[in-house]
Amino acid sequence: QVQLVESGGGLVQAGESLRLSCAASGSTFRIYVMGWYRQAPGKQRELVATINNGDTTNYADSVKGRFTISRDNAKNTVYLQMNSLKPEDTAVYYCNAGTTRGPYWGQGTQVTVSS
């Protein structure tokens, strides 16, 4: 059992920044990789960024150079620093934890970027 709780979403103007947080609890020792996904209205959920237990990161091309994923193991928390936000980044952002027992998802946090 892994529980994930996202926070930090909000409404910002284009060019501004937000920092999302994902706090993990439960059987966190089973987590091999964590990531952020997003889903815009009428679109499929898509991968934004991942980070594994060796701190190797991976990013979608659309956010590369603007977003940074990081982790604080002492706090069991993963972050997504989002800079230079664009209206196209508007979506519900979900934290994901990958384990051998399947994926776990947070409840999502809304990010809205106005023009």
C-alpha atoms as a PDB file:
ATOM      1  CA  GLN A   1       0.000   0.000   0.000  1.00  0.00           C
ATOM      2  CA  VAL A   2       1.339   3.373  -1.078  1.00  0.00           C
ATOM      3  CA  GLN A   3      -0.482   6.631  -0.570  1.00  0.00           C
ATOM      4  CA  LEU A   4       0.371   9.729  -2.591  1.00  0.00           C
ATOM      5  CA  VAL A   5      -0.855  13.254  -1.925  1.00  0.00           C
ATOM      6  CA  GLU A   6      -0.136  16.096  -4.347  1.00  0.00           C
ATOM      7  CA  SER A   7      -0.176  19.780  -3.536  1.00  0.00           C
ATOM      8  CA  GLY A   8       1.030  23.085  -4.928  1.00  0.00           C
ATOM      9  CA  GLY A   9      -1.222  23.607  -7.910  1.00  0.00           C
ATOM     10  CA  GLY A  10      -2.845  26.908  -8.665  1.00  0.00           C
ATOM     11  CA  LEU A  11      -3.551  29.648 -11.172  1.00  0.00           C
ATOM     12  CA  VAL A  12      -0.619  31.541 -12.663  1.00  0.00           C
ATOM     13  CA  GLN A  13       0.144  33.688 -15.670  1.00  0.00           C
ATOM     14  CA  ALA A  14       2.241  32.503 -18.578  1.00  0.00           C
ATOM     15  CA  GLY A  15       5.933  32.745 -17.776  1.00  0.00           C
ATOM     16  CA  GLU A  16       5.483  32.257 -14.052  1.00  0.00           C
ATOM     17  CA  SER A  17       6.453  29.274 -11.906  1.00  0.00           C
ATOM     18  CA  LEU A  18       4.888  26.685  -9.641  1.00  0.00           C
ATOM     19  CA  ARG A  19       6.304  23.940  -7.475  1.00  0.00           C
ATOM     20  CA  LEU A  20       4.296  20.767  -7.021  1.00  0.00           C
ATOM     21  CA  SER A  21       4.857  18.382  -4.133  1.00  0.00           C
ATOM     22  CA  CYS A  22       3.982  14.711  -3.773  1.00  0.00           C
ATOM     23  CA  ALA A  23       4.182  13.173  -0.318  1.00  0.00           C
ATOM     24  CA  ALA A  24       4.406   9.370  -0.226  1.00  0.00           C
ATOM     25  CA  SER A  25       3.517   7.152   2.695  1.00  0.00           C
ATOM     26  CA  GLY A  26       2.948   3.475   3.389  1.00  0.00           C
ATOM     27  CA  SER A  27       5.183   0.872   1.734  1.00  0.00           C
ATOM     28  CA  THR A  28       7.524   3.408   0.202  1.00  0.00           C
ATOM     29  CA  PHE A  29      10.368   0.868   0.160  1.00  0.00           C
ATOM     30  CA  ARG A  30       8.632  -0.844  -2.757  1.00  0.00           C
ATOM     31  CA  ILE A  31       8.864   2.219  -4.984  1.00  0.00           C
ATOM     32  CA  TYR A  32      11.385   1.977  -7.824  1.00  0.00           C
ATOM     33  CA  VAL A  33      10.392   5.011  -9.842  1.00  0.00           C
ATOM     34  CA  MET A  34       8.146   8.005  -9.352  1.00  0.00           C
ATOM     35  CA  GLY A  35       6.753  10.359 -11.894  1.00  0.00           C
ATOM     36  CA  TRP A  36       4.444  13.187 -12.699  1.00  0.00           C
ATOM     37  CA  TYR A  37       1.677  12.841 -15.257  1.00  0.00           C
ATOM     38  CA  ARG A  38      -0.844  15.364 -16.444  1.00  0.00           C
ATOM     39  CA  GLN A  39      -4.238  15.285 -18.087  1.00  0.00           C
ATOM     40  CA  ALA A  40      -5.806  18.218 -19.870  1.00  0.00           C
ATOM     41  CA  PRO A  41      -9.536  18.380 -20.618  1.00  0.00           C
ATOM     42  CA  GLY A  42     -10.427  16.107 -23.507  1.00  0.00           C
ATOM     43  CA  LYS A  43      -6.933  14.640 -23.731  1.00  0.00           C
ATOM     44  CA  GLN A  44      -5.212  11.464 -22.614  1.00  0.00           C
ATOM     45  CA  ARG A  45      -3.052  11.390 -19.526  1.00  0.00           C
ATOM     46  CA  GLU A  46       0.583  11.919 -20.492  1.00  0.00           C
ATOM     47  CA  LEU A  47       3.949  11.467 -18.844  1.00  0.00           C
ATOM     48  CA  VAL A  48       5.691  14.644 -17.722  1.00  0.00           C
ATOM     49  CA  ALA A  49       8.777  13.493 -15.814  1.00  0.00           C
ATOM     50  CA  THR A  50      10.178  10.526 -13.892  1.00  0.00           C
ATOM     51  CA  ILE A  51      12.875   9.960 -11.300  1.00  0.00           C
ATOM     52  CA  ASN A  52      14.173   6.586 -10.149  1.00  0.00           C
ATOM     53  CA  ASN A  53      15.868   5.474  -6.951  1.00  0.00           C
ATOM     54  CA  GLY A  54      19.255   6.331  -8.435  1.00  0.00           C
ATOM     55  CA  ASP A  55      18.006   9.877  -9.076  1.00  0.00           C
ATOM     56  CA  THR A  56      18.070   9.398 -12.839  1.00  0.00           C
ATOM     57  CA  THR A  57      15.518  11.714 -14.427  1.00  0.00           C
ATOM     58  CA  ASN A  58      13.560  11.679 -17.648  1.00  0.00           C
ATOM     59  CA  TYR A  59      11.368  14.370 -19.183  1.00  0.00           C
ATOM     60  CA  ALA A  60       8.808  14.747 -21.886  1.00  0.00           C
ATOM     61  CA  ASP A  61      10.111  16.823 -24.774  1.00  0.00           C
ATOM     62  CA  SER A  62       7.410  19.407 -24.178  1.00  0.00           C
ATOM     63  CA  VAL A  63       8.745  20.279 -20.709  1.00  0.00           C
ATOM     64  CA  LYS A  64      12.465  19.634 -21.101  1.00  0.00           C
ATOM     65  CA  GLY A  65      14.462  22.641 -19.987  1.00  0.00           C
ATOM     66  CA  ARG A  66      11.529  24.155 -18.116  1.00  0.00           C
ATOM     67  CA  PHE A  67      10.551  21.538 -15.522  1.00  0.00           C
ATOM     68  CA  THR A  68      12.734  19.824 -12.933  1.00  0.00           C
ATOM     69  CA  ILE A  69      11.803  16.719 -10.960  1.00  0.00           C
ATOM     70  CA  SER A  70      13.571  16.056  -7.675  1.00  0.00           C
ATOM     71  CA  ARG A  71      13.156  14.085  -4.468  1.00  0.00           C
ATOM     72  CA  ASP A  72      13.773  14.471  -0.763  1.00  0.00           C
ATOM     73  CA  ASN A  73      14.169  10.986   0.668  1.00  0.00           C
ATOM     74  CA  ALA A  74      14.130  12.207   4.257  1.00  0.00           C
ATOM     75  CA  LYS A  75      10.637  13.567   3.692  1.00  0.00           C
ATOM     76  CA  ASN A  76       9.457  10.858   1.253  1.00  0.00           C
ATOM     77  CA  THR A  77       8.521  13.653  -1.100  1.00  0.00           C
ATOM     78  CA  VAL A  78       8.919  14.224  -4.828  1.00  0.00           C
ATOM     79  CA  TYR A  79       8.767  17.688  -6.358  1.00  0.00           C
ATOM     80  CA  LEU A  80       8.116  19.151  -9.764  1.00  0.00           C
ATOM     81  CA  GLN A  81       9.511  22.625 -10.251  1.00  0.00           C
ATOM     82  CA  MET A  82       7.721  24.182 -13.212  1.00  0.00           C
ATOM     83  CA  ASN A  83       9.243  27.320 -14.706  1.00  0.00           C
ATOM     84  CA  SER A  84       8.309  29.368 -17.755  1.00  0.00           C
ATOM     85  CA  LEU A  85       4.809  27.970 -17.672  1.00  0.00           C
ATOM     86  CA  LYS A  86       2.722  28.059 -20.816  1.00  0.00           C
ATOM     87  CA  PRO A  87      -1.045  27.865 -21.299  1.00  0.00           C
ATOM     88  CA  GLU A  88      -0.463  24.441 -22.865  1.00  0.00           C
ATOM     89  CA  ASP A  89       0.721  23.236 -19.445  1.00  0.00           C
ATOM     90  CA  THR A  90      -2.784  23.636 -18.043  1.00  0.00           C
ATOM     91  CA  ALA A  91      -3.895  20.253 -16.709  1.00  0.00           C
ATOM     92  CA  VAL A  92      -4.505  18.184 -13.633  1.00  0.00           C
ATOM     93  CA  TYR A  93      -1.121  16.916 -12.500  1.00  0.00           C
ATOM     94  CA  TYR A  94      -0.912  13.463 -10.926  1.00  0.00           C
ATOM     95  CA  CYS A  95       1.886  11.911  -8.929  1.00  0.00           C
ATOM     96  CA  ASN A  96       2.663   8.279  -9.743  1.00  0.00           C
ATOM     97  CA  ALA A  97       4.697   5.628  -7.951  1.00  0.00           C
ATOM     98  CA  GLY A  98       5.860   2.545  -9.834  1.00  0.00           C
ATOM     99  CA  THR A  99       6.278  -0.681  -7.892  1.00  0.00           C
ATOM    100  CA  THR A 100       6.435  -4.375  -8.749  1.00  0.00           C
ATOM    101  CA  ARG A 101       2.914  -4.582  -7.352  1.00  0.00           C
ATOM    102  CA  GLY A 102       1.561  -2.036  -9.774  1.00  0.00           C
ATOM    103  CA  PRO A 103       1.154   1.720 -10.031  1.00  0.00           C
ATOM    104  CA  TYR A 104      -0.175   4.037  -7.383  1.00  0.00           C
ATOM    105  CA  TRP A 105      -1.707   7.420  -8.056  1.00  0.00           C
ATOM    106  CA  GLY A 106      -2.344  10.587  -6.137  1.00  0.00           C
ATOM    107  CA  GLN A 107      -5.586  12.514  -6.305  1.00  0.00           C
ATOM    108  CA  GLY A 108      -4.231  15.198  -8.617  1.00  0.00           C
ATOM    109  CA  THR A 109      -3.694  18.930  -8.336  1.00  0.00           C
ATOM    110  CA  GLN A 110      -4.958  21.507 -10.818  1.00  0.00           C
ATOM    111  CA  VAL A 111      -2.521  23.753 -12.664  1.00  0.00           C
ATOM    112  CA  THR A 112      -4.005  26.548 -14.740  1.00  0.00           C
ATOM    113  CA  VAL A 113      -1.830  28.892 -16.800  1.00  0.00           C
ATOM    114  CA  SER A 114      -3.465  31.979 -18.249  1.00  0.00           C
ATOM    115  CA  SER A 115      -2.255  33.876 -21.309  1.00  0.00           C
END
